């Protein structure tokens, strides 16, 4: 019991007087500002996300079209450059269209 009277509460000594009041007011101001600013921050984030997703789709569509166009041009240049003309193309050979023939089946023969 005697020991209890001489023990000091260190937390009370740290935040007493003007120092404690300023810490309390500062903490209260930070909490109030956070509660007021949080909805606006979330709204700003949602609007930014929507704008980025819409314009991102348009941008990606343009880039994909450019990519396909470049790929097609590259493919055409490779076909024209690498393949030599075949002998049939050089001679002007054009095969005739085949006509089918029907043979009757004679079981006695």
Protein backbone atom coordinates (compact mmCIF):
# COMPACT_ATOMS: atom_id res chain seq x y z
CA UNK A 1 0.00 0.00 0.00
CA UNK A 2 2.84 2.38 0.75
CA UNK A 3 4.42 1.54 -2.63
CA UNK A 4 1.20 2.62 -4.40
CA UNK A 5 1.44 6.17 -3.03
CA UNK A 6 4.95 6.71 -4.35
CA UNK A 7 4.36 5.27 -7.82
CA UNK A 8 3.95 7.94 -10.48
CA UNK A 9 1.77 7.61 -13.52
CA UNK A 10 4.14 8.47 -16.37
CA UNK A 11 1.39 8.85 -18.97
CA UNK A 12 -0.25 11.64 -17.00
CA UNK A 13 3.05 13.47 -16.69
CA UNK A 14 3.71 13.36 -20.44
CA UNK A 15 0.45 14.94 -21.60
CA UNK A 16 -0.51 17.49 -19.03
CA UNK A 17 -1.20 21.17 -19.36
CA UNK A 18 -0.88 22.98 -22.66
CA UNK A 19 1.05 20.14 -24.29
CA UNK A 20 -1.78 17.67 -23.71
CA UNK A 21 -4.42 20.12 -24.86
CA UNK A 22 -2.57 20.81 -28.10
CA UNK A 23 -2.10 17.09 -28.75
CA UNK A 24 -5.82 16.47 -28.16
CA UNK A 25 -6.89 19.35 -30.44
CA UNK A 26 -4.45 18.30 -33.15
CA UNK A 27 -5.67 14.70 -33.08
CA UNK A 28 -9.28 15.81 -33.17
CA UNK A 29 -8.60 18.08 -36.17
CA UNK A 30 -6.88 15.27 -38.04
CA UNK A 31 -9.78 12.88 -37.42
CA UNK A 32 -12.38 15.46 -38.49
CA UNK A 33 -10.45 16.34 -41.65
CA UNK A 34 -10.06 12.68 -42.50
CA UNK A 35 -13.77 12.04 -42.09
CA UNK A 36 -14.67 15.07 -44.22
CA UNK A 37 -12.05 14.43 -46.93
CA UNK A 38 -12.52 10.66 -47.22
CA UNK A 39 -15.80 10.73 -49.23
CA UNK A 40 -14.33 13.29 -51.64
CA UNK A 41 -11.18 11.21 -52.00
CA UNK A 42 -13.21 8.08 -52.76
CA UNK A 43 -15.36 9.99 -55.27
CA UNK A 44 -12.27 11.35 -56.98
CA UNK A 45 -10.80 7.84 -57.18
CA UNK A 46 -13.99 6.38 -58.66
CA UNK A 47 -14.26 9.12 -61.30
CA UNK A 48 -10.58 8.73 -62.19
CA UNK A 49 -11.00 4.98 -62.53
CA UNK A 50 -13.98 5.39 -64.87
CA UNK A 51 -12.19 7.94 -67.04
CA UNK A 52 -9.05 5.81 -67.26
CA UNK A 53 -11.00 2.69 -68.16
CA UNK A 54 -12.97 4.44 -70.91
CA UNK A 55 -10.01 6.21 -72.47
CA UNK A 56 -7.87 3.11 -71.97
CA UNK A 57 -10.26 1.11 -74.13
CA UNK A 58 -10.12 3.70 -76.90
CA UNK A 59 -6.32 3.88 -76.68
CA UNK A 60 -5.93 0.10 -76.73
CA UNK A 61 -8.29 -0.20 -79.69
CA UNK A 62 -6.19 2.31 -81.66
CA UNK A 63 -2.97 0.53 -80.75
CA UNK A 64 -4.39 -2.87 -81.70
CA UNK A 65 -5.48 -1.51 -85.09
CA UNK A 66 -2.01 -0.10 -85.66
CA UNK A 67 -0.46 -3.41 -84.62
CA UNK A 68 -2.68 -5.44 -86.96
CA UNK A 69 -1.97 -3.03 -89.81
CA UNK A 70 1.79 -3.27 -89.25
CA UNK A 71 1.56 -7.06 -88.96
CA UNK A 72 -0.36 -7.31 -92.23
CA UNK A 73 2.14 -5.04 -93.99
CA UNK A 74 5.01 -7.13 -92.65
CA UNK A 75 3.32 -10.35 -93.73
CA UNK A 76 2.74 -8.97 -97.24
CA UNK A 77 6.36 -7.84 -97.54
CA UNK A 78 7.58 -11.28 -96.45
CA UNK A 79 5.34 -13.06 -98.96
CA UNK A 80 6.51 -10.79 -101.79
CA UNK A 81 10.20 -10.96 -100.90
CA UNK A 82 10.83 -14.54 -99.87
CA UNK A 83 8.80 -16.73 -102.17
CA UNK A 84 10.32 -17.16 -105.64
CA UNK A 85 7.89 -17.75 -108.48
CA UNK A 86 7.05 -21.41 -109.00
CA UNK A 87 7.65 -23.08 -112.38
CA UNK A 88 3.92 -23.13 -112.98
CA UNK A 89 3.72 -19.35 -112.51
CA UNK A 90 6.69 -18.72 -114.85
CA UNK A 91 5.36 -20.88 -117.71
CA UNK A 92 1.84 -19.57 -117.47
CA UNK A 93 0.58 -23.07 -116.67
CA UNK A 94 -3.02 -23.21 -115.56
CA UNK A 95 -4.39 -26.67 -114.76
CA UNK A 96 -7.67 -27.73 -116.36
CA UNK A 97 -10.63 -28.35 -114.21
CA UNK A 98 -11.18 -32.07 -113.88
CA UNK A 99 -14.42 -33.67 -114.87
CA UNK A 100 -15.47 -36.80 -113.08
CA UNK A 101 -16.40 -40.00 -114.91
CA UNK A 102 -18.99 -42.50 -113.78
CA UNK A 103 -18.37 -46.21 -114.34
CA UNK A 104 -21.23 -48.66 -114.12
CA UNK A 105 -20.67 -51.69 -111.98
CA UNK A 106 -21.47 -54.93 -113.73
CA UNK A 107 -21.71 -57.76 -111.16
CA UNK A 108 -21.63 -60.49 -113.87
CA UNK A 109 -18.39 -59.42 -115.51
